PDB file of N, CA and C in Angstrom:
ATOM      1  N   MET A   1     -35.135 -57.025  12.041  1.00  0.00           N
ATOM      2  CA  MET A   1     -36.453 -57.321  11.085  1.00  0.00           C
ATOM      3  C   MET A   1     -36.674 -56.122  10.838  1.00  0.00           C
ATOM      4  N   LYS A   2     -37.235 -56.441   9.802  1.00  0.00           N
ATOM      5  CA  LYS A   2     -37.717 -54.917   8.879  1.00  0.00           C
ATOM      6  C   LYS A   2     -39.245 -55.187   8.793  1.00  0.00           C
ATOM      7  N   THR A   3     -39.777 -54.106   9.169  1.00  0.00           N
ATOM      8  CA  THR A   3     -41.807 -53.651   8.648  1.00  0.00           C
ATOM      9  C   THR A   3     -42.174 -53.193   7.813  1.00  0.00           C
ATOM     10  N   ILE A   4     -43.157 -53.774   6.669  1.00  0.00           N
ATOM     11  CA  ILE A   4     -43.799 -52.806   6.043  1.00  0.00           C
ATOM     12  C   ILE A   4     -45.420 -52.905   6.315  1.00  0.00           C
ATOM     13  N   THR A   5     -45.770 -51.861   6.098  1.00  0.00           N
ATOM     14  CA  THR A   5     -47.145 -51.870   6.189  1.00  0.00           C
ATOM     15  C   THR A   5     -48.542 -51.737   4.869  1.00  0.00           C
ATOM     16  N   PHE A   6     -49.016 -52.613   4.878  1.00  0.00           N
ATOM     17  CA  PHE A   6     -50.218 -52.518   3.921  1.00  0.00           C
ATOM     18  C   PHE A   6     -51.696 -52.558   4.077  1.00  0.00           C
ATOM     19  N   ALA A   7     -52.486 -52.111   3.705  1.00  0.00           N
ATOM     20  CA  ALA A   7     -53.877 -51.743   4.394  1.00  0.00           C
ATOM     21  C   ALA A   7     -53.720 -52.112   6.104  1.00  0.00           C
ATOM     22  N   GLY A   8     -53.196 -51.042   6.868  1.00  0.00           N
ATOM     23  CA  GLY A   8     -53.201 -51.503   8.002  1.00  0.00           C
ATOM     24  C   GLY A   8     -52.547 -52.481   8.851  1.00  0.00           C
ATOM     25  N   GLU A   9     -51.749 -53.697   7.925  1.00  0.00           N
ATOM     26  CA  GLU A   9     -51.443 -54.440   8.916  1.00  0.00           C
ATOM     27  C   GLU A   9     -50.157 -54.281   8.503  1.00  0.00           C
ATOM     28  N   LEU A  10     -49.285 -54.919   9.401  1.00  0.00           N
ATOM     29  CA  LEU A  10     -47.727 -55.263   9.906  1.00  0.00           C
ATOM     30  C   LEU A  10     -47.616 -56.707   9.326  1.00  0.00           C
ATOM     31  N   TYR A  11     -46.323 -56.322   8.602  1.00  0.00           N
ATOM     32  CA  TYR A  11     -45.303 -57.564   8.011  1.00  0.00           C
ATOM     33  C   TYR A  11     -43.974 -57.378   8.448  1.00  0.00           C
ATOM     34  N   GLU A  12     -43.670 -58.280   8.853  1.00  0.00           N
ATOM     35  CA  GLU A  12     -41.977 -58.302   9.484  1.00  0.00           C
ATOM     36  C   GLU A  12     -41.291 -59.528   8.665  1.00  0.00           C
ATOM     37  N   ALA A  13     -40.080 -59.018   8.075  1.00  0.00           N
ATOM     38  CA  ALA A  13     -39.331 -60.148   7.721  1.00  0.00           C
ATOM     39  C   ALA A  13     -37.787 -59.505   7.816  1.00  0.00           C
ATOM     40  N   GLU A  14     -36.817 -60.418   7.636  1.00  0.00           N
ATOM     41  CA  GLU A  14     -35.314 -59.918   8.093  1.00  0.00           C
ATOM     42  C   GLU A  14     -34.795 -59.259   6.663  1.00  0.00           C
ATOM     43  N   ARG A  15     -35.794 -60.016   5.200  1.00  0.00           N
ATOM     44  CA  ARG A  15     -35.392 -59.003   4.027  1.00  0.00           C
ATOM     45  C   ARG A  15     -36.582 -58.801   3.353  1.00  0.00           C
ATOM     46  N   ILE A  16     -36.655 -57.442   2.492  1.00  0.00           N
ATOM     47  CA  ILE A  16     -37.759 -57.534   2.157  1.00  0.00           C
ATOM     48  C   ILE A  16     -37.357 -56.985   0.586  1.00  0.00           C
ATOM     49  N   VAL A  17     -37.799 -57.217  -0.392  1.00  0.00           N
ATOM     50  CA  VAL A  17     -37.026 -57.273  -1.784  1.00  0.00           C
ATOM     51  C   VAL A  17     -38.370 -56.541  -2.788  1.00  0.00           C
ATOM     52  N   LYS A  18     -38.335 -55.710  -3.217  1.00  0.00           N
ATOM     53  CA  LYS A  18     -39.071 -55.290  -4.338  1.00  0.00           C
ATOM     54  C   LYS A  18     -38.603 -55.439  -5.544  1.00  0.00           C
ATOM     55  N   THR A  19     -39.468 -56.017  -6.597  1.00  0.00           N
ATOM     56  CA  THR A  19     -39.361 -55.903  -7.818  1.00  0.00           C
ATOM     57  C   THR A  19     -40.602 -55.267  -8.541  1.00  0.00           C
ATOM     58  N   ALA A  20     -40.533 -55.444 -10.070  1.00  0.00           N
ATOM     59  CA  ALA A  20     -41.170 -54.798 -10.902  1.00  0.00           C
ATOM     60  C   ALA A  20     -42.804 -54.370 -10.471  1.00  0.00           C
ATOM     61  N   ASP A  21     -43.000 -55.418 -10.327  1.00  0.00           N
ATOM     62  CA  ASP A  21     -44.799 -55.462  -9.901  1.00  0.00           C
ATOM     63  C   ASP A  21     -44.665 -56.866  -8.581  1.00  0.00           C
ATOM     64  N   SER A  22     -43.901 -56.719  -7.744  1.00  0.00           N
ATOM     65  CA  SER A  22     -44.451 -57.854  -6.534  1.00  0.00           C
ATOM     66  C   SER A  22     -43.364 -56.961  -5.339  1.00  0.00           C
ATOM     67  N   ILE A  23     -43.676 -57.789  -4.079  1.00  0.00           N
ATOM     68  CA  ILE A  23     -43.042 -57.534  -3.044  1.00  0.00           C
ATOM     69  C   ILE A  23     -42.962 -58.504  -2.180  1.00  0.00           C
ATOM     70  N   SER A  24     -41.577 -59.010  -1.959  1.00  0.00           N
ATOM     71  CA  SER A  24     -41.633 -60.348  -1.244  1.00  0.00           C
ATOM     72  C   SER A  24     -40.907 -60.339   0.244  1.00  0.00           C
ATOM     73  N   GLY A  25     -41.145 -60.783   1.271  1.00  0.00           N
ATOM     74  CA  GLY A  25     -40.306 -60.809   2.774  1.00  0.00           C
ATOM     75  C   GLY A  25     -39.920 -62.059   2.866  1.00  0.00           C
ATOM     76  N   TYR A  26     -38.757 -62.314   3.500  1.00  0.00           N
ATOM     77  CA  TYR A  26     -37.632 -63.580   3.512  1.00  0.00           C
ATOM     78  C   TYR A  26     -37.442 -63.690   5.279  1.00  0.00           C
ATOM     79  N   VAL A  27     -37.475 -64.702   5.891  1.00  0.00           N
ATOM     80  CA  VAL A  27     -36.616 -64.907   6.791  1.00  0.00           C
ATOM     81  C   VAL A  27     -35.993 -66.234   6.795  1.00  0.00           C
ATOM     82  N   GLY A  28     -34.854 -65.963   6.523  1.00  0.00           N
ATOM     83  CA  GLY A  28     -33.326 -66.659   6.180  1.00  0.00           C
ATOM     84  C   GLY A  28     -34.224 -67.125   4.779  1.00  0.00           C
ATOM     85  N   THR A  29     -33.927 -68.210   4.135  1.00  0.00           N
ATOM     86  CA  THR A  29     -34.126 -68.327   2.773  1.00  0.00           C
ATOM     87  C   THR A  29     -35.780 -68.727   2.615  1.00  0.00           C
ATOM     88  N   ASP A  30     -36.672 -68.398   3.400  1.00  0.00           N
ATOM     89  CA  ASP A  30     -37.998 -68.947   3.615  1.00  0.00           C
ATOM     90  C   ASP A  30     -38.741 -67.466   3.105  1.00  0.00           C
ATOM     91  N   GLU A  31     -39.909 -67.800   2.457  1.00  0.00           N
ATOM     92  CA  GLU A  31     -40.573 -66.267   1.923  1.00  0.00           C
ATOM     93  C   GLU A  31     -41.648 -66.576   2.628  1.00  0.00           C
ATOM     94  N   VAL A  32     -41.687 -65.804   3.626  1.00  0.00           N
ATOM     95  CA  VAL A  32     -42.740 -65.562   4.574  1.00  0.00           C
ATOM     96  C   VAL A  32     -44.014 -64.546   4.432  1.00  0.00           C
ATOM     97  N   PHE A  33     -43.954 -63.913   3.199  1.00  0.00           N
ATOM     98  CA  PHE A  33     -44.983 -63.083   2.717  1.00  0.00           C
ATOM     99  C   PHE A  33     -44.799 -62.539   1.489  1.00  0.00           C
ATOM    100  N   CYS A  34     -45.722 -62.350   0.662  1.00  0.00           N
ATOM    101  CA  CYS A  34     -45.947 -61.980  -1.020  1.00  0.00           C
ATOM    102  C   CYS A  34     -46.741 -61.113  -1.539  1.00  0.00           C
ATOM    103  N   PHE A  35     -46.512 -59.946  -1.774  1.00  0.00           N
ATOM    104  CA  PHE A  35     -47.752 -59.464  -2.721  1.00  0.00           C
ATOM    105  C   PHE A  35     -47.181 -59.154  -4.291  1.00  0.00           C
ATOM    106  N   ARG A  36     -47.762 -60.159  -5.317  1.00  0.00           N
ATOM    107  CA  ARG A  36     -47.571 -60.048  -6.193  1.00  0.00           C
ATOM    108  C   ARG A  36     -48.804 -59.016  -7.535  1.00  0.00           C
ATOM    109  N   GLY A  37     -48.300 -58.861  -8.384  1.00  0.00           N
ATOM    110  CA  GLY A  37     -49.110 -58.087  -9.491  1.00  0.00           C
ATOM    111  C   GLY A  37     -49.473 -56.941  -9.390  1.00  0.00           C
ATOM    112  N   ILE A  38     -48.718 -56.253  -8.444  1.00  0.00           N
ATOM    113  CA  ILE A  38     -49.096 -54.661  -7.803  1.00  0.00           C
ATOM    114  C   ILE A  38     -48.644 -53.689  -8.925  1.00  0.00           C
ATOM    115  N   SER A  39     -49.459 -52.977  -9.305  1.00  0.00           N
ATOM    116  CA  SER A  39     -49.366 -51.802 -10.049  1.00  0.00           C
ATOM    117  C   SER A  39     -49.233 -50.578  -9.839  1.00  0.00           C
ATOM    118  N   ASP A  40     -49.392 -50.671  -7.857  1.00  0.00           N
ATOM    119  CA  ASP A  40     -49.350 -49.020  -7.594  1.00  0.00           C
ATOM    120  C   ASP A  40     -48.718 -49.023  -5.987  1.00  0.00           C
ATOM    121  N   PHE A  41     -47.918 -48.738  -5.854  1.00  0.00           N
ATOM    122  CA  PHE A  41     -47.305 -49.059  -4.604  1.00  0.00           C
ATOM    123  C   PHE A  41     -47.381 -48.138  -3.662  1.00  0.00           C
ATOM    124  N   SER A  42     -48.100 -47.043  -3.918  1.00  0.00           N
ATOM    125  CA  SER A  42     -48.068 -46.154  -2.659  1.00  0.00           C
ATOM    126  C   SER A  42     -48.780 -46.800  -1.813  1.00  0.00           C
ATOM    127  N   GLY A  43     -49.929 -47.889  -1.469  1.00  0.00           N
ATOM    128  CA  GLY A  43     -50.353 -48.561  -0.686  1.00  0.00           C
ATOM    129  C   GLY A  43     -49.536 -49.008   0.652  1.00  0.00           C
ATOM    130  N   PHE A  44     -48.056 -49.064   0.124  1.00  0.00           N
ATOM    131  CA  PHE A  44     -47.457 -49.766   0.916  1.00  0.00           C
ATOM    132  C   PHE A  44     -46.065 -48.839   1.379  1.00  0.00           C
ATOM    133  N   GLU A  45     -45.919 -49.043   2.501  1.00  0.00           N
ATOM    134  CA  GLU A  45     -44.750 -48.312   3.604  1.00  0.00           C
ATOM    135  C   GLU A  45     -43.854 -48.913   4.113  1.00  0.00           C
ATOM    136  N   LEU A  46     -42.642 -48.897   3.908  1.00  0.00           N
ATOM    137  CA  LEU A  46     -41.658 -49.499   4.082  1.00  0.00           C
ATOM    138  C   LEU A  46     -40.564 -48.945   5.590  1.00  0.00           C
ATOM    139  N   ASP A  47     -40.429 -49.689   6.729  1.00  0.00           N
ATOM    140  CA  ASP A  47     -39.239 -49.337   7.659  1.00  0.00           C
ATOM    141  C   ASP A  47     -38.310 -50.005   7.469  1.00  0.00           C
ATOM    142  N   GLY A  48     -37.388 -49.021   6.691  1.00  0.00           N
ATOM    143  CA  GLY A  48     -35.971 -48.671   6.102  1.00  0.00           C
ATOM    144  C   GLY A  48     -36.009 -49.202   4.517  1.00  0.00           C
ATOM    145  N   GLU A  49     -34.741 -49.601   4.009  1.00  0.00           N
ATOM    146  CA  GLU A  49     -34.914 -49.915   2.672  1.00  0.00           C
ATOM    147  C   GLU A  49     -34.560 -51.290   2.167  1.00  0.00           C
ATOM    148  N   TRP A  50     -35.220 -50.860   0.795  1.00  0.00           N
ATOM    149  CA  TRP A  50     -35.416 -52.291   0.038  1.00  0.00           C
ATOM    150  C   TRP A  50     -34.063 -53.415   0.073  1.00  0.00           C
ATOM    151  N   ASP A  51     -34.407 -54.642   0.017  1.00  0.00           N
ATOM    152  CA  ASP A  51     -33.205 -55.376  -0.254  1.00  0.00           C
ATOM    153  C   ASP A  51     -33.118 -55.876  -1.332  1.00  0.00           C
ATOM    154  N   PRO A  52     -31.805 -55.825  -2.073  1.00  0.00           N
ATOM    155  CA  PRO A  52     -31.628 -56.752  -3.571  1.00  0.00           C
ATOM    156  C   PRO A  52     -32.130 -57.945  -3.666  1.00  0.00           C
ATOM    157  N   ALA A  53     -32.690 -58.339  -5.216  1.00  0.00           N
ATOM    158  CA  ALA A  53     -33.282 -59.676  -5.144  1.00  0.00           C
ATOM    159  C   ALA A  53     -32.451 -60.441  -5.173  1.00  0.00           C
ATOM    160  N   VAL A  54     -32.510 -61.562  -4.790  1.00  0.00           N
ATOM    161  CA  VAL A  54     -31.530 -62.563  -5.030  1.00  0.00           C
ATOM    162  C   VAL A  54     -31.802 -63.791  -6.032  1.00  0.00           C
ATOM    163  N   GLN A  55     -31.074 -64.013  -6.816  1.00  0.00           N
ATOM    164  CA  GLN A  55     -32.088 -65.317  -7.755  1.00  0.00           C
ATOM    165  C   GLN A  55     -31.503 -66.379  -6.993  1.00  0.00           C
ATOM    166  N   THR A  56     -32.745 -67.436  -7.658  1.00  0.00           N
ATOM    167  CA  THR A  56     -32.493 -68.933  -6.993  1.00  0.00           C
ATOM    168  C   THR A  56     -31.843 -69.407  -7.545  1.00  0.00           C
ATOM    169  N   PRO A  57     -30.898 -70.671  -7.203  1.00  0.00           N
ATOM    170  CA  PRO A  57     -30.239 -71.385  -7.815  1.00  0.00           C
ATOM    171  C   PRO A  57     -31.132 -72.007  -9.589  1.00  0.00           C
ATOM    172  N   GLU A  58     -32.207 -72.037  -9.686  1.00  0.00           N
ATOM    173  CA  GLU A  58     -32.670 -72.275 -10.854  1.00  0.00           C
ATOM    174  C   GLU A  58     -32.917 -70.802 -11.917  1.00  0.00           C
ATOM    175  N   GLU A  59     -32.889 -69.570 -11.559  1.00  0.00           N
ATOM    176  CA  GLU A  59     -32.458 -68.425 -12.644  1.00  0.00           C
ATOM    177  C   GLU A  59     -31.696 -68.267 -12.595  1.00  0.00           C
ATOM    178  N   MET A  60     -30.299 -68.704 -11.806  1.00  0.00           N
ATOM    179  CA  MET A  60     -29.025 -68.540 -11.993  1.00  0.00           C
ATOM    180  C   MET A  60     -28.913 -69.446 -13.145  1.00  0.00           C
ATOM    181  N   LEU A  61     -29.254 -70.726 -12.590  1.00  0.00           N
ATOM    182  CA  LEU A  61     -28.861 -71.772 -14.238  1.00  0.00           C
ATOM    183  C   LEU A  61     -29.414 -71.462 -15.823  1.00  0.00           C
ATOM    184  N   GLU A  62     -30.759 -70.577 -15.628  1.00  0.00           N
ATOM    185  CA  GLU A  62     -31.043 -70.170 -16.799  1.00  0.00           C
ATOM    186  C   GLU A  62     -30.457 -69.194 -17.346  1.00  0.00           C
ATOM    187  N   GLU A  63     -30.122 -68.093 -16.313  1.00  0.00           N
ATOM    188  CA  GLU A  63     -29.368 -67.121 -16.777  1.00  0.00           C
ATOM    189  C   GLU A  63     -28.230 -67.733 -17.656  1.00  0.00           C
ATOM    190  N   LEU A  64     -27.545 -68.321 -16.742  1.00  0.00           N
ATOM    191  CA  LEU A  64     -26.129 -69.146 -17.308  1.00  0.00           C
ATOM    192  C   LEU A  64     -26.260 -69.587 -18.595  1.00  0.00           C
ATOM    193  N   LYS A  65     -27.413 -70.353 -19.032  1.00  0.00           N
ATOM    194  CA  LYS A  65     -27.667 -71.284 -20.140  1.00  0.00           C
ATOM    195  C   LYS A  65     -27.735 -69.948 -21.204  1.00  0.00           C
ATOM    196  N   GLN A  66     -28.597 -69.560 -21.072  1.00  0.00           N
ATOM    197  CA  GLN A  66     -28.963 -67.758 -22.484  1.00  0.00           C
ATOM    198  C   GLN A  66     -27.291 -67.273 -22.648  1.00  0.00           C
ATOM    199  N   LEU A  67     -26.697 -67.069 -21.423  1.00  0.00           N
ATOM    200  CA  LEU A  67     -25.850 -66.590 -21.817  1.00  0.00           C
ATOM    201  C   LEU A  67     -24.643 -67.433 -22.391  1.00  0.00           C
ATOM    202  N   ARG A  68     -24.087 -68.622 -22.181  1.00  0.00           N
ATOM    203  CA  ARG A  68     -23.933 -69.376 -22.786  1.00  0.00           C
ATOM    204  C   ARG A  68     -24.139 -69.828 -24.615  1.00  0.00           C
ATOM    205  N   LYS A  69     -25.618 -69.634 -24.502  1.00  0.00           N
ATOM    206  CA  LYS A  69     -26.468 -69.752 -25.852  1.00  0.00           C
ATOM    207  C   LYS A  69     -25.526 -68.099 -26.621  1.00  0.00           C
ATOM    208  N   ARG A  70     -25.613 -67.454 -25.910  1.00  0.00           N
ATOM    209  CA  ARG A  70     -25.549 -66.026 -27.048  1.00  0.00           C
ATOM    210  C   ARG A  70     -23.861 -66.089 -27.080  1.00  0.00           C
ATOM    211  N   VAL A  71     -22.791 -66.910 -26.300  1.00  0.00           N
ATOM    212  CA  VAL A  71     -21.680 -66.742 -26.897  1.00  0.00           C
ATOM    213  C   VAL A  71     -21.406 -67.885 -27.896  1.00  0.00           C
ATOM    214  N   ASN A  72     -22.011 -69.117 -27.973  1.00  0.00           N
ATOM    215  CA  ASN A  72     -21.801 -69.724 -28.652  1.00  0.00           C
ATOM    216  C   ASN A  72     -22.588 -69.349 -30.037  1.00  0.00           C
ATOM    217  N   ASP A  73     -23.393 -68.589 -30.177  1.00  0.00           N
ATOM    218  CA  ASP A  73     -24.109 -67.814 -31.560  1.00  0.00           C
ATOM    219  C   ASP A  73     -23.010 -66.610 -31.957  1.00  0.00           C
ATOM    220  N   ALA A  74     -22.180 -66.070 -30.989  1.00  0.00           N
ATOM    221  CA  ALA A  74     -21.257 -65.165 -31.416  1.00  0.00           C
ATOM    222  C   ALA A  74     -20.127 -65.391 -32.206  1.00  0.00           C
ATOM    223  N   GLU A  75     -19.943 -66.956 -31.458  1.00  0.00           N
ATOM    224  CA  GLU A  75     -18.551 -67.677 -31.967  1.00  0.00           C
ATOM    225  C   GLU A  75     -18.950 -68.003 -33.390  1.00  0.00           C
ATOM    226  N   GLN A  76     -19.721 -68.907 -33.335  1.00  0.00           N
ATOM    227  CA  GLN A  76     -20.359 -69.266 -34.785  1.00  0.00           C
ATOM    228  C   GLN A  76     -20.573 -68.054 -36.106  1.00  0.00           C
ATOM    229  N   ALA A  77     -21.175 -66.899 -35.178  1.00  0.00           N
ATOM    230  CA  ALA A  77     -21.060 -66.276 -36.591  1.00  0.00           C
ATOM    231  C   ALA A  77     -19.583 -65.547 -37.046  1.00  0.00           C
ATOM    232  N   VAL A  78     -18.821 -65.399 -36.042  1.00  0.00           N
ATOM    233  CA  VAL A  78     -17.104 -64.828 -36.371  1.00  0.00           C
ATOM    234  C   VAL A  78     -16.844 -66.202 -37.055  1.00  0.00           C
ATOM    235  N   PHE A  79     -17.055 -67.383 -36.612  1.00  0.00           N
ATOM    236  CA  PHE A  79     -15.852 -68.146 -37.289  1.00  0.00           C
ATOM    237  C   PHE A  79     -16.978 -68.574 -38.874  1.00  0.00           C
ATOM    238  N   ALA A  80     -18.196 -67.735 -39.252  1.00  0.00           N
ATOM    239  CA  ALA A  80     -18.615 -68.223 -40.737  1.00  0.00           C
ATOM    240  C   ALA A  80     -18.354 -67.189 -41.154  1.00  0.00           C
ATOM    241  N   MET A  81     -17.280 -65.942 -40.764  1.00  0.00           N
ATOM    242  CA  MET A  81     -17.286 -64.684 -41.578  1.00  0.00           C
ATOM    243  C   MET A  81     -16.121 -65.337 -42.542  1.00  0.00           C
ATOM    244  N   PRO A  82     -15.813 -64.627 -43.689  1.00  0.00           N
ATOM    245  CA  PRO A  82     -14.794 -64.817 -44.948  1.00  0.00           C
ATOM    246  C   PRO A  82     -13.403 -64.174 -44.470  1.00  0.00           C
ATOM    247  N   ASP A  83     -12.622 -64.988 -44.414  1.00  0.00           N
ATOM    248  CA  ASP A  83     -11.231 -64.153 -43.943  1.00  0.00           C
ATOM    249  C   ASP A  83     -10.667 -62.898 -43.914  1.00  0.00           C
ATOM    250  N   PHE A  84     -11.608 -62.053 -45.639  1.00  0.00           N
ATOM    251  CA  PHE A  84     -10.882 -60.588 -45.824  1.00  0.00           C
ATOM    252  C   PHE A  84     -11.675 -60.047 -44.416  1.00  0.00           C
ATOM    253  N   MET A  85     -12.720 -60.202 -43.957  1.00  0.00           N
ATOM    254  CA  MET A  85     -13.714 -59.666 -43.182  1.00  0.00           C
ATOM    255  C   MET A  85     -13.431 -59.669 -41.899  1.00  0.00           C
ATOM    256  N   LEU A  86     -12.191 -60.270 -41.560  1.00  0.00           N
ATOM    257  CA  LEU A  86     -11.223 -60.454 -40.243  1.00  0.00           C
ATOM    258  C   LEU A  86     -10.081 -59.638 -39.987  1.00  0.00           C
TER     259      LEU A  86
END
């Protein structure tokens, strides 16, 4: 278990993930604490290293949809080119 301290309180989790504006703690796949809207991380003290963020299935699906759209748009642009440009 890792520990993070904020405002004199200790929070424990197996994984602690820091994003651009939040800190979340997880035990297994369950989020056990979360601080959102953080602009100054100096008040947080982590015992150990930050864990990498893990995408949810919904986030993975959305990223895949965006990637497919970009590939489709690129294919359409190539097929729309006149032959002399290929």
